[in-house]
């Protein structure tokens, strides 16, 4: 079975670098990716056809069919009834996970206009959350005139024990973290293999909470 390109890069470049920089005794101590979760919220007033459109788009983006999440209880203030579809979610592991992350880093993020990098904030346990406000940054999506945009949240779960470990892992894999100067464009990461040289850096203010 062919090893995903980014996973091979992780093994050959990232693992030795982390061992050298952090003094791990063996490769098993080096943090790695555990899973990537994509989630898109669906508004309560959305009809069944729109739910299926979101499922189709997330399937194209993730390369794996998602599940429809439903409300466990009714919330009158938000016009939510028990059993109503409230989101679409998919969990990626293994080769699909590595392939998705490579496409995200090398193709999708550079498609965001005036991109200046992503936030450096982690969740305190080495995991990273990224909000995408415009799903058309993914080349798998072709927008039709008059069609609504789909937003999504991307959660990258790692085996790191701290934010610093997780941040260093993703940085070496090619995550374009924002620099301290908001006015300075982020240098294109050279970690992710085969990243397009002509890609234009992307706008931080386009990264927003997900809404479908």
C-alpha atoms as a PDB file:
ATOM      1  CA  UNK A   1       0.000   0.000   0.000  1.00  0.00           C
ATOM      2  CA  UNK A   2       1.320   3.423  -0.980  1.00  0.00           C
ATOM      3  CA  UNK A   3       2.220   5.667   1.957  1.00  0.00           C
ATOM      4  CA  UNK A   4       0.560   9.124   1.736  1.00  0.00           C
ATOM      5  CA  UNK A   5       3.019  11.792   0.640  1.00  0.00           C
ATOM      6  CA  UNK A   6       2.641  13.949   3.739  1.00  0.00           C
ATOM      7  CA  UNK A   7       2.982  10.937   6.056  1.00  0.00           C
ATOM      8  CA  UNK A   8       6.209   9.974   4.290  1.00  0.00           C
ATOM      9  CA  UNK A   9       7.419  13.551   4.747  1.00  0.00           C
ATOM     10  CA  UNK A  10       6.502  13.298   8.450  1.00  0.00           C
ATOM     11  CA  UNK A  11       8.537  10.125   8.852  1.00  0.00           C
ATOM     12  CA  UNK A  12      11.596  11.299   6.934  1.00  0.00           C
ATOM     13  CA  UNK A  13      11.789  14.982   7.922  1.00  0.00           C
ATOM     14  CA  UNK A  14       9.501  15.881  10.826  1.00  0.00           C
ATOM     15  CA  UNK A  15      10.292  12.971  13.172  1.00  0.00           C
ATOM     16  CA  UNK A  16      14.114  13.429  13.020  1.00  0.00           C
ATOM     17  CA  UNK A  17      13.743  17.199  13.456  1.00  0.00           C
ATOM     18  CA  UNK A  18      11.501  16.842  16.540  1.00  0.00           C
ATOM     19  CA  UNK A  19      13.815  14.231  18.057  1.00  0.00           C
ATOM     20  CA  UNK A  20      16.776  16.565  17.553  1.00  0.00           C
ATOM     21  CA  UNK A  21      14.982  19.682  18.833  1.00  0.00           C
ATOM     22  CA  UNK A  22      13.109  18.183  21.779  1.00  0.00           C
ATOM     23  CA  UNK A  23      15.340  15.331  22.842  1.00  0.00           C
ATOM     24  CA  UNK A  24      12.892  12.474  22.458  1.00  0.00           C
ATOM     25  CA  UNK A  25      14.547   9.126  23.144  1.00  0.00           C
ATOM     26  CA  UNK A  26      12.813   7.305  20.292  1.00  0.00           C
ATOM     27  CA  UNK A  27      10.385   7.884  17.437  1.00  0.00           C
ATOM     28  CA  UNK A  28       7.443   6.534  19.444  1.00  0.00           C
ATOM     29  CA  UNK A  29       7.596   9.591  21.717  1.00  0.00           C
ATOM     30  CA  UNK A  30       7.260  12.002  18.807  1.00  0.00           C
ATOM     31  CA  UNK A  31       3.723  13.471  18.547  1.00  0.00           C
ATOM     32  CA  UNK A  32       1.731  12.648  15.437  1.00  0.00           C
ATOM     33  CA  UNK A  33      -1.724  13.158  13.972  1.00  0.00           C
ATOM     34  CA  UNK A  34      -4.512  11.089  15.493  1.00  0.00           C
ATOM     35  CA  UNK A  35      -7.551  12.266  13.506  1.00  0.00           C
ATOM     36  CA  UNK A  36      -9.084  15.249  11.726  1.00  0.00           C
ATOM     37  CA  UNK A  37     -12.740  16.116  12.278  1.00  0.00           C
ATOM     38  CA  UNK A  38     -14.746  18.268   9.836  1.00  0.00           C
ATOM     39  CA  UNK A  39     -18.006  19.721  11.080  1.00  0.00           C
ATOM     40  CA  UNK A  40     -20.520  22.024   9.407  1.00  0.00           C
ATOM     41  CA  UNK A  41     -23.526  23.479  11.230  1.00  0.00           C
ATOM     42  CA  UNK A  42     -26.929  23.522   9.550  1.00  0.00           C
ATOM     43  CA  UNK A  43     -29.438  26.269  10.353  1.00  0.00           C
ATOM     44  CA  UNK A  44     -32.769  25.151  11.757  1.00  0.00           C
ATOM     45  CA  UNK A  45     -34.727  26.665   8.857  1.00  0.00           C
ATOM     46  CA  UNK A  46     -32.785  24.685   6.233  1.00  0.00           C
ATOM     47  CA  UNK A  47     -34.790  22.220   4.134  1.00  0.00           C
ATOM     48  CA  UNK A  48     -33.931  18.578   3.377  1.00  0.00           C
ATOM     49  CA  UNK A  49     -32.516  19.408  -0.036  1.00  0.00           C
ATOM     50  CA  UNK A  50     -30.000  21.808   1.496  1.00  0.00           C
ATOM     51  CA  UNK A  51     -28.928  19.189   4.042  1.00  0.00           C
ATOM     52  CA  UNK A  52     -28.136  16.802   1.192  1.00  0.00           C
ATOM     53  CA  UNK A  53     -26.214  19.541  -0.631  1.00  0.00           C
ATOM     54  CA  UNK A  54     -24.044  20.062   2.450  1.00  0.00           C
ATOM     55  CA  UNK A  55     -23.471  16.306   2.730  1.00  0.00           C
ATOM     56  CA  UNK A  56     -22.417  16.229  -0.931  1.00  0.00           C
ATOM     57  CA  UNK A  57     -19.982  19.133  -0.506  1.00  0.00           C
ATOM     58  CA  UNK A  58     -18.379  17.747   2.656  1.00  0.00           C
ATOM     59  CA  UNK A  59     -18.028  14.354   0.955  1.00  0.00           C
ATOM     60  CA  UNK A  60     -16.181  15.988  -1.955  1.00  0.00           C
ATOM     61  CA  UNK A  61     -13.931  17.962   0.385  1.00  0.00           C
ATOM     62  CA  UNK A  62     -13.122  15.158   2.815  1.00  0.00           C
ATOM     63  CA  UNK A  63     -13.067  12.214   0.425  1.00  0.00           C
ATOM     64  CA  UNK A  64     -15.310  10.340   2.845  1.00  0.00           C
ATOM     65  CA  UNK A  65     -19.065  10.453   3.403  1.00  0.00           C
ATOM     66  CA  UNK A  66     -20.096  12.342   6.568  1.00  0.00           C
ATOM     67  CA  UNK A  67     -22.897  11.628   9.015  1.00  0.00           C
ATOM     68  CA  UNK A  68     -25.825  13.950   9.737  1.00  0.00           C
ATOM     69  CA  UNK A  69     -25.970  14.982  13.383  1.00  0.00           C
ATOM     70  CA  UNK A  70     -29.413  15.568  14.901  1.00  0.00           C
ATOM     71  CA  UNK A  71     -30.705  17.551  17.867  1.00  0.00           C
ATOM     72  CA  UNK A  72     -31.052  15.481  21.045  1.00  0.00           C
ATOM     73  CA  UNK A  73     -33.661  17.793  22.502  1.00  0.00           C
ATOM     74  CA  UNK A  74     -35.921  20.635  21.428  1.00  0.00           C
ATOM     75  CA  UNK A  75     -34.831  24.253  21.947  1.00  0.00           C
ATOM     76  CA  UNK A  76     -37.753  26.596  21.314  1.00  0.00           C
ATOM     77  CA  UNK A  77     -35.675  29.784  21.303  1.00  0.00           C
ATOM     78  CA  UNK A  78     -33.635  28.487  18.358  1.00  0.00           C
ATOM     79  CA  UNK A  79     -36.589  26.834  16.605  1.00  0.00           C
ATOM     80  CA  UNK A  80     -34.939  23.447  17.013  1.00  0.00           C
ATOM     81  CA  UNK A  81     -37.027  20.292  17.374  1.00  0.00           C
ATOM     82  CA  UNK A  82     -35.814  16.963  18.698  1.00  0.00           C
ATOM     83  CA  UNK A  83     -34.382  14.859  15.879  1.00  0.00           C
ATOM     84  CA  UNK A  84     -33.900  17.842  13.548  1.00  0.00           C
ATOM     85  CA  UNK A  85     -30.657  17.859  11.476  1.00  0.00           C
ATOM     86  CA  UNK A  86     -28.271  20.397  13.016  1.00  0.00           C
ATOM     87  CA  UNK A  87     -24.969  19.532  11.392  1.00  0.00           C
ATOM     88  CA  UNK A  88     -22.828  17.346   9.168  1.00  0.00           C
ATOM     89  CA  UNK A  89     -19.671  15.729  10.546  1.00  0.00           C
ATOM     90  CA  UNK A  90     -16.942  13.406   9.329  1.00  0.00           C
ATOM     91  CA  UNK A  91     -13.891  11.971  11.105  1.00  0.00           C
ATOM     92  CA  UNK A  92     -10.794  11.261   9.013  1.00  0.00           C
ATOM     93  CA  UNK A  93      -8.093   8.811  10.014  1.00  0.00           C
ATOM     94  CA  UNK A  94      -5.230   7.035   8.295  1.00  0.00           C
ATOM     95  CA  UNK A  95      -4.345   7.779   4.647  1.00  0.00           C
ATOM     96  CA  UNK A  96      -7.509   9.861   4.052  1.00  0.00           C
ATOM     97  CA  UNK A  97      -6.516  12.131   6.960  1.00  0.00           C
ATOM     98  CA  UNK A  98      -2.980  12.679   5.647  1.00  0.00           C
ATOM     99  CA  UNK A  99      -4.192  13.326   2.102  1.00  0.00           C
ATOM    100  CA  UNK A 100      -6.766  15.853   3.305  1.00  0.00           C
ATOM    101  CA  UNK A 101      -4.206  17.765   5.387  1.00  0.00           C
ATOM    102  CA  UNK A 102      -1.802  17.946   2.438  1.00  0.00           C
ATOM    103  CA  UNK A 103      -4.539  19.388   0.212  1.00  0.00           C
ATOM    104  CA  UNK A 104      -5.539  21.845   2.935  1.00  0.00           C
ATOM    105  CA  UNK A 105      -1.991  23.133   3.426  1.00  0.00           C
ATOM    106  CA  UNK A 106      -0.763  23.073  -0.156  1.00  0.00           C
ATOM    107  CA  UNK A 107      -3.865  24.065  -2.134  1.00  0.00           C
ATOM    108  CA  UNK A 108      -6.875  25.238  -0.098  1.00  0.00           C
ATOM    109  CA  UNK A 109      -5.388  27.745   2.355  1.00  0.00           C
ATOM    110  CA  UNK A 110      -3.305  29.448  -0.367  1.00  0.00           C
ATOM    111  CA  UNK A 111      -6.595  29.963  -2.246  1.00  0.00           C
ATOM    112  CA  UNK A 112      -7.835  32.420   0.415  1.00  0.00           C
ATOM    113  CA  UNK A 113      -7.465  35.974  -0.796  1.00  0.00           C
ATOM    114  CA  UNK A 114      -4.933  38.152   1.073  1.00  0.00           C
ATOM    115  CA  UNK A 115      -4.123  35.290   3.444  1.00  0.00           C
ATOM    116  CA  UNK A 116      -1.783  36.278   6.282  1.00  0.00           C
ATOM    117  CA  UNK A 117      -1.669  33.029   8.201  1.00  0.00           C
ATOM    118  CA  UNK A 118      -3.812  31.182  10.718  1.00  0.00           C
ATOM    119  CA  UNK A 119      -4.129  31.679  14.477  1.00  0.00           C
ATOM    120  CA  UNK A 120      -1.460  30.173  16.736  1.00  0.00           C
ATOM    121  CA  UNK A 121      -3.950  29.307  19.499  1.00  0.00           C
ATOM    122  CA  UNK A 122      -4.393  25.672  20.560  1.00  0.00           C
ATOM    123  CA  UNK A 123      -6.885  24.081  22.949  1.00  0.00           C
ATOM    124  CA  UNK A 124      -4.423  23.442  25.795  1.00  0.00           C
ATOM    125  CA  UNK A 125      -3.956  19.760  24.930  1.00  0.00           C
ATOM    126  CA  UNK A 126      -2.038  19.988  21.665  1.00  0.00           C
ATOM    127  CA  UNK A 127      -5.093  20.024  19.381  1.00  0.00           C
ATOM    128  CA  UNK A 128      -5.872  22.712  16.808  1.00  0.00           C
ATOM    129  CA  UNK A 129      -9.178  24.177  15.604  1.00  0.00           C
ATOM    130  CA  UNK A 130      -9.555  26.071  12.345  1.00  0.00           C
ATOM    131  CA  UNK A 131     -12.729  27.765  11.099  1.00  0.00           C
ATOM    132  CA  UNK A 132     -13.312  28.079   7.357  1.00  0.00           C
ATOM    133  CA  UNK A 133     -15.941  30.597   6.321  1.00  0.00           C
ATOM    134  CA  UNK A 134     -15.844  29.912   2.583  1.00  0.00           C
ATOM    135  CA  UNK A 135     -15.762  26.309   1.402  1.00  0.00           C
ATOM    136  CA  UNK A 136     -14.987  27.345  -2.178  1.00  0.00           C
ATOM    137  CA  UNK A 137     -11.297  27.533  -1.215  1.00  0.00           C
ATOM    138  CA  UNK A 138     -11.340  23.763  -1.772  1.00  0.00           C
ATOM    139  CA  UNK A 139     -10.783  22.969  -5.472  1.00  0.00           C
ATOM    140  CA  UNK A 140     -13.285  20.100  -5.245  1.00  0.00           C
ATOM    141  CA  UNK A 141     -16.115  22.648  -4.926  1.00  0.00           C
ATOM    142  CA  UNK A 142     -17.709  24.338  -7.931  1.00  0.00           C
ATOM    143  CA  UNK A 143     -20.105  27.107  -6.918  1.00  0.00           C
ATOM    144  CA  UNK A 144     -23.275  27.634  -8.919  1.00  0.00           C
ATOM    145  CA  UNK A 145     -24.796  31.134  -9.234  1.00  0.00           C
ATOM    146  CA  UNK A 146     -27.171  31.907  -6.370  1.00  0.00           C
ATOM    147  CA  UNK A 147     -26.073  28.966  -4.244  1.00  0.00           C
ATOM    148  CA  UNK A 148     -25.353  29.516  -0.552  1.00  0.00           C
ATOM    149  CA  UNK A 149     -21.874  29.142   0.862  1.00  0.00           C
ATOM    150  CA  UNK A 150     -20.971  26.391   3.340  1.00  0.00           C
ATOM    151  CA  UNK A 151     -18.720  27.025   6.329  1.00  0.00           C
ATOM    152  CA  UNK A 152     -16.976  24.375   8.375  1.00  0.00           C
ATOM    153  CA  UNK A 153     -14.812  23.809  11.424  1.00  0.00           C
ATOM    154  CA  UNK A 154     -11.703  21.672  11.132  1.00  0.00           C
ATOM    155  CA  UNK A 155     -10.294  20.051  14.283  1.00  0.00           C
ATOM    156  CA  UNK A 156      -6.823  18.520  14.062  1.00  0.00           C
ATOM    157  CA  UNK A 157      -6.306  16.091  16.950  1.00  0.00           C
ATOM    158  CA  UNK A 158      -2.702  15.174  17.758  1.00  0.00           C
ATOM    159  CA  UNK A 159      -0.966  12.963  20.307  1.00  0.00           C
ATOM    160  CA  UNK A 160       0.980  15.963  21.629  1.00  0.00           C
ATOM    161  CA  UNK A 161       0.896  16.592  25.385  1.00  0.00           C
ATOM    162  CA  UNK A 162       1.152  20.383  25.181  1.00  0.00           C
ATOM    163  CA  UNK A 163       0.335  23.303  22.919  1.00  0.00           C
ATOM    164  CA  UNK A 164       4.022  23.851  22.144  1.00  0.00           C
ATOM    165  CA  UNK A 165       4.445  20.258  20.984  1.00  0.00           C
ATOM    166  CA  UNK A 166       1.321  20.393  18.848  1.00  0.00           C
ATOM    167  CA  UNK A 167       2.241  23.760  17.337  1.00  0.00           C
ATOM    168  CA  UNK A 168       5.755  22.603  16.442  1.00  0.00           C
ATOM    169  CA  UNK A 169       4.378  19.432  14.859  1.00  0.00           C
ATOM    170  CA  UNK A 170       1.937  21.323  12.642  1.00  0.00           C
ATOM    171  CA  UNK A 171       4.500  24.011  11.812  1.00  0.00           C
ATOM    172  CA  UNK A 172       6.935  21.407  10.523  1.00  0.00           C
ATOM    173  CA  UNK A 173       4.136  19.795   8.508  1.00  0.00           C
ATOM    174  CA  UNK A 174       3.540  23.165   6.829  1.00  0.00           C
ATOM    175  CA  UNK A 175       0.791  24.914   8.805  1.00  0.00           C
ATOM    176  CA  UNK A 176       1.161  28.657   7.963  1.00  0.00           C
ATOM    177  CA  UNK A 177       0.826  30.154  11.436  1.00  0.00           C
ATOM    178  CA  UNK A 178       0.358  33.922  11.606  1.00  0.00           C
ATOM    179  CA  UNK A 179       3.409  35.982  12.488  1.00  0.00           C
ATOM    180  CA  UNK A 180       3.411  38.542  15.299  1.00  0.00           C
ATOM    181  CA  UNK A 181       3.065  41.356  12.777  1.00  0.00           C
ATOM    182  CA  UNK A 182      -0.443  41.285  11.300  1.00  0.00           C
ATOM    183  CA  UNK A 183       0.668  43.476   8.427  1.00  0.00           C
ATOM    184  CA  UNK A 184       3.377  41.073   7.305  1.00  0.00           C
ATOM    185  CA  UNK A 185       2.412  38.269   4.970  1.00  0.00           C
ATOM    186  CA  UNK A 186       3.303  34.812   6.190  1.00  0.00           C
ATOM    187  CA  UNK A 187       6.250  33.232   4.457  1.00  0.00           C
ATOM    188  CA  UNK A 188       5.102  30.287   2.399  1.00  0.00           C
ATOM    189  CA  UNK A 189       5.808  27.088   4.372  1.00  0.00           C
ATOM    190  CA  UNK A 190       8.367  24.867   2.734  1.00  0.00           C
ATOM    191  CA  UNK A 191       7.419  21.858   4.846  1.00  0.00           C
ATOM    192  CA  UNK A 192       4.393  20.592   2.963  1.00  0.00           C
ATOM    193  CA  UNK A 193       5.625  18.721  -0.103  1.00  0.00           C
ATOM    194  CA  UNK A 194       4.696  19.936  -3.567  1.00  0.00           C
ATOM    195  CA  UNK A 195       3.082  23.170  -2.347  1.00  0.00           C
ATOM    196  CA  UNK A 196       2.369  25.313  -5.417  1.00  0.00           C
ATOM    197  CA  UNK A 197       5.044  27.995  -5.727  1.00  0.00           C
ATOM    198  CA  UNK A 198       2.699  30.431  -7.415  1.00  0.00           C
ATOM    199  CA  UNK A 199       0.017  30.247  -4.735  1.00  0.00           C
ATOM    200  CA  UNK A 200      -0.918  33.631  -3.302  1.00  0.00           C
ATOM    201  CA  UNK A 201      -0.848  33.957   0.516  1.00  0.00           C
ATOM    202  CA  UNK A 202      -4.421  34.096   2.095  1.00  0.00           C
ATOM    203  CA  UNK A 203      -6.599  36.479   4.337  1.00  0.00           C
ATOM    204  CA  UNK A 204      -6.910  35.869   8.032  1.00  0.00           C
ATOM    205  CA  UNK A 205     -10.237  37.689   8.255  1.00  0.00           C
ATOM    206  CA  UNK A 206     -11.787  35.140   5.896  1.00  0.00           C
ATOM    207  CA  UNK A 207     -11.221  32.400   8.446  1.00  0.00           C
ATOM    208  CA  UNK A 208     -14.486  32.431  10.369  1.00  0.00           C
ATOM    209  CA  UNK A 209     -16.810  30.218  12.461  1.00  0.00           C
ATOM    210  CA  UNK A 210     -18.575  27.592  10.409  1.00  0.00           C
ATOM    211  CA  UNK A 211     -22.166  28.055   9.265  1.00  0.00           C
ATOM    212  CA  UNK A 212     -23.859  26.062   6.555  1.00  0.00           C
END
